[in-house]
Amino acid sequence: MTTLHSRLRLLRELAPAWLAALWWGSLSTVGFLVVPMLFVYLPTPAMAGSMAAKLFTAQTWVSLNCGLLLLLLFTRPNQAEGHANHARGAIVFIVAGMLMALLSEFAVAPRIVARENLALWHRVGSGLYLLQWLCAGAAFWRLAAPSRRAQV
């Protein structure tokens, strides 16, 4: 029973870092690999843009779910004090990243899809995506720190 209990405790301690890694990794893959490849391999920029919009919408929901799960993990009682300090430091980045995802999806994306001042809104959307990527990376870095120290 102690082995099971210790494994569950370890899983609970590592889950935030894994969720943050999933968030940051999915942003990296979609934004810096998959979407650029769409514009290289699909026949027209319009087709690539349409598919990219769908991928960015899916990424928004991945980001919001990862962020929400992280916030829920940090509001549970009986959290170790050292881990709670790292959680508090990461919460700012998690909330900011979620805000960037929401702004991208519900304020910027509709303007890009409507082709309203496309160059401007594309730059704004790219900037928000980069900021979200940085926030997810910072959250991952902060949340992985306790795990790295525990392994050494």
Protein backbone atom coordinates (compact mmCIF):
# COMPACT_ATOMS: atom_id res chain seq x y z
CA MET A 1 0.00 0.00 0.00
CA THR A 2 2.87 2.40 0.74
CA THR A 3 4.30 1.89 -2.73
CA LEU A 4 0.98 2.76 -4.33
CA HIS A 5 0.62 5.77 -2.04
CA SER A 6 4.13 7.01 -2.85
CA ARG A 7 3.56 6.55 -6.59
CA LEU A 8 0.31 8.50 -6.44
CA ARG A 9 2.04 11.26 -4.49
CA LEU A 10 4.81 11.39 -7.09
CA LEU A 11 2.24 11.54 -9.89
CA ARG A 12 0.44 14.40 -8.11
CA GLU A 13 3.74 16.27 -7.79
CA LEU A 14 4.75 15.73 -11.42
CA ALA A 15 1.33 16.36 -13.03
CA PRO A 16 1.67 20.18 -13.14
CA ALA A 17 5.02 20.00 -14.94
CA TRP A 18 3.62 17.44 -17.41
CA LEU A 19 0.55 19.58 -18.11
CA ALA A 20 2.71 22.67 -18.64
CA ALA A 21 4.97 20.64 -20.95
CA LEU A 22 1.94 19.50 -22.95
CA TRP A 23 0.74 23.10 -23.26
CA TRP A 24 4.11 24.52 -24.31
CA GLY A 25 4.88 21.58 -26.59
CA SER A 26 1.54 21.76 -28.38
CA LEU A 27 1.96 25.51 -28.93
CA SER A 28 5.45 24.89 -30.31
CA THR A 29 4.33 22.11 -32.63
CA VAL A 30 1.25 23.83 -34.02
CA GLY A 31 2.66 27.34 -34.33
CA PHE A 32 6.20 26.69 -35.42
CA LEU A 33 5.97 23.42 -37.35
CA VAL A 34 2.50 22.41 -38.52
CA VAL A 35 1.04 25.76 -39.62
CA PRO A 36 4.13 26.85 -41.59
CA MET A 37 4.09 23.46 -43.33
CA LEU A 38 0.47 24.06 -44.37
CA PHE A 39 1.54 27.14 -46.30
CA VAL A 40 4.34 25.19 -47.99
CA TYR A 41 2.40 22.06 -48.97
CA LEU A 42 -1.22 23.08 -49.55
CA PRO A 43 -2.05 24.34 -53.05
CA THR A 44 -3.29 27.83 -52.10
CA PRO A 45 -2.70 30.23 -49.22
CA ALA A 46 -6.49 30.40 -48.73
CA MET A 47 -6.65 26.64 -48.10
CA ALA A 48 -3.67 26.84 -45.74
CA GLY A 49 -5.18 29.80 -43.89
CA SER A 50 -8.51 28.03 -43.47
CA MET A 51 -6.83 24.93 -42.07
CA ALA A 52 -4.54 27.03 -39.87
CA ALA A 53 -7.58 28.77 -38.36
CA LYS A 54 -9.03 25.39 -37.41
CA LEU A 55 -5.75 24.26 -35.88
CA PHE A 56 -5.39 27.48 -33.89
CA THR A 57 -8.95 27.04 -32.58
CA ALA A 58 -8.10 23.50 -31.47
CA GLN A 59 -4.90 24.82 -29.88
CA THR A 60 -6.90 27.42 -27.98
CA TRP A 61 -8.98 24.68 -26.37
CA VAL A 62 -5.85 22.64 -25.54
CA SER A 63 -4.34 25.75 -23.94
CA LEU A 64 -7.45 26.60 -21.94
CA ASN A 65 -7.87 23.02 -20.71
CA CYS A 66 -4.22 22.73 -19.68
CA GLY A 67 -4.40 26.10 -17.92
CA LEU A 68 -7.65 25.27 -16.16
CA LEU A 69 -6.33 21.89 -14.98
CA LEU A 70 -3.17 23.56 -13.70
CA LEU A 71 -5.19 26.15 -11.79
CA LEU A 72 -7.38 23.40 -10.32
CA LEU A 73 -4.31 21.45 -9.20
CA PHE A 74 -2.99 24.53 -7.41
CA THR A 75 -6.19 25.23 -5.49
CA ARG A 76 -6.29 21.87 -3.76
CA PRO A 77 -5.61 21.79 -0.02
CA ASN A 78 -2.64 20.08 1.65
CA GLN A 79 -0.16 21.27 -0.95
CA ALA A 80 3.50 21.10 0.10
CA GLU A 81 4.85 24.57 0.95
CA GLY A 82 7.80 24.45 -1.47
CA HIS A 83 5.59 23.28 -4.30
CA ALA A 84 3.00 25.94 -3.39
CA ASN A 85 5.62 28.69 -3.82
CA HIS A 86 6.45 27.50 -7.33
CA ALA A 87 2.73 27.22 -8.08
CA ARG A 88 2.13 30.82 -7.03
CA GLY A 89 4.95 31.96 -9.30
CA ALA A 90 3.57 29.99 -12.22
CA ILE A 91 -0.06 31.08 -11.76
CA VAL A 92 0.67 34.54 -13.19
CA PHE A 93 2.06 32.98 -16.36
CA ILE A 94 -0.78 30.45 -16.59
CA VAL A 95 -3.49 33.10 -16.31
CA ALA A 96 -1.67 35.42 -18.72
CA GLY A 97 -1.26 32.60 -21.25
CA MET A 98 -4.93 31.69 -20.98
CA LEU A 99 -5.84 35.35 -21.50
CA MET A 100 -3.66 35.46 -24.65
CA ALA A 101 -5.43 32.34 -25.97
CA LEU A 102 -8.87 33.84 -25.32
CA LEU A 103 -7.96 37.16 -26.93
CA SER A 104 -6.52 35.39 -29.97
CA GLU A 105 -9.58 33.20 -30.44
CA PHE A 106 -12.39 35.62 -29.71
CA ALA A 107 -10.98 39.07 -30.53
CA VAL A 108 -8.36 38.55 -33.24
CA ALA A 109 -9.33 35.37 -35.14
CA PRO A 110 -12.77 36.64 -36.23
CA ARG A 111 -11.12 39.71 -37.77
CA ILE A 112 -8.55 37.58 -39.60
CA VAL A 113 -11.24 35.23 -40.91
CA ALA A 114 -13.28 38.26 -42.06
CA ARG A 115 -10.09 39.53 -43.76
CA GLU A 116 -10.54 42.84 -41.93
CA ASN A 117 -7.23 44.72 -42.12
CA LEU A 118 -5.55 41.34 -42.51
CA ALA A 119 -1.93 42.44 -42.12
CA LEU A 120 -2.57 44.25 -38.84
CA TRP A 121 -4.68 41.53 -37.23
CA HIS A 122 -2.29 38.80 -38.40
CA ARG A 123 0.58 40.63 -36.68
CA VAL A 124 -1.50 41.08 -33.51
CA GLY A 125 -2.49 37.40 -33.56
CA SER A 126 1.12 36.31 -34.11
CA GLY A 127 2.23 38.53 -31.23
CA LEU A 128 -0.40 37.10 -28.90
CA TYR A 129 0.58 33.56 -29.90
CA LEU A 130 4.23 34.32 -29.17
CA LEU A 131 3.31 35.83 -25.79
CA GLN A 132 1.20 32.77 -24.99
CA TRP A 133 4.12 30.52 -25.98
CA LEU A 134 6.44 32.50 -23.67
CA CYS A 135 3.92 32.32 -20.80
CA ALA A 136 3.51 28.55 -21.22
CA GLY A 137 7.29 28.17 -21.36
CA ALA A 138 7.76 30.23 -18.21
CA ALA A 139 5.08 28.22 -16.40
CA PHE A 140 6.73 24.99 -17.53
CA TRP A 141 10.14 26.21 -16.38
CA ARG A 142 8.81 27.19 -12.94
CA LEU A 143 6.81 23.99 -12.49
CA ALA A 144 9.62 21.71 -13.65
CA ALA A 145 12.07 23.27 -11.19
CA PRO A 146 10.85 21.35 -8.09
CA SER A 147 10.90 18.11 -10.10
CA ARG A 148 14.46 18.73 -11.26
CA ARG A 149 15.66 19.34 -7.70
CA ALA A 150 13.86 16.23 -6.43
CA GLN A 151 15.61 14.07 -9.03
CA VAL A 152 19.13 15.34 -8.22
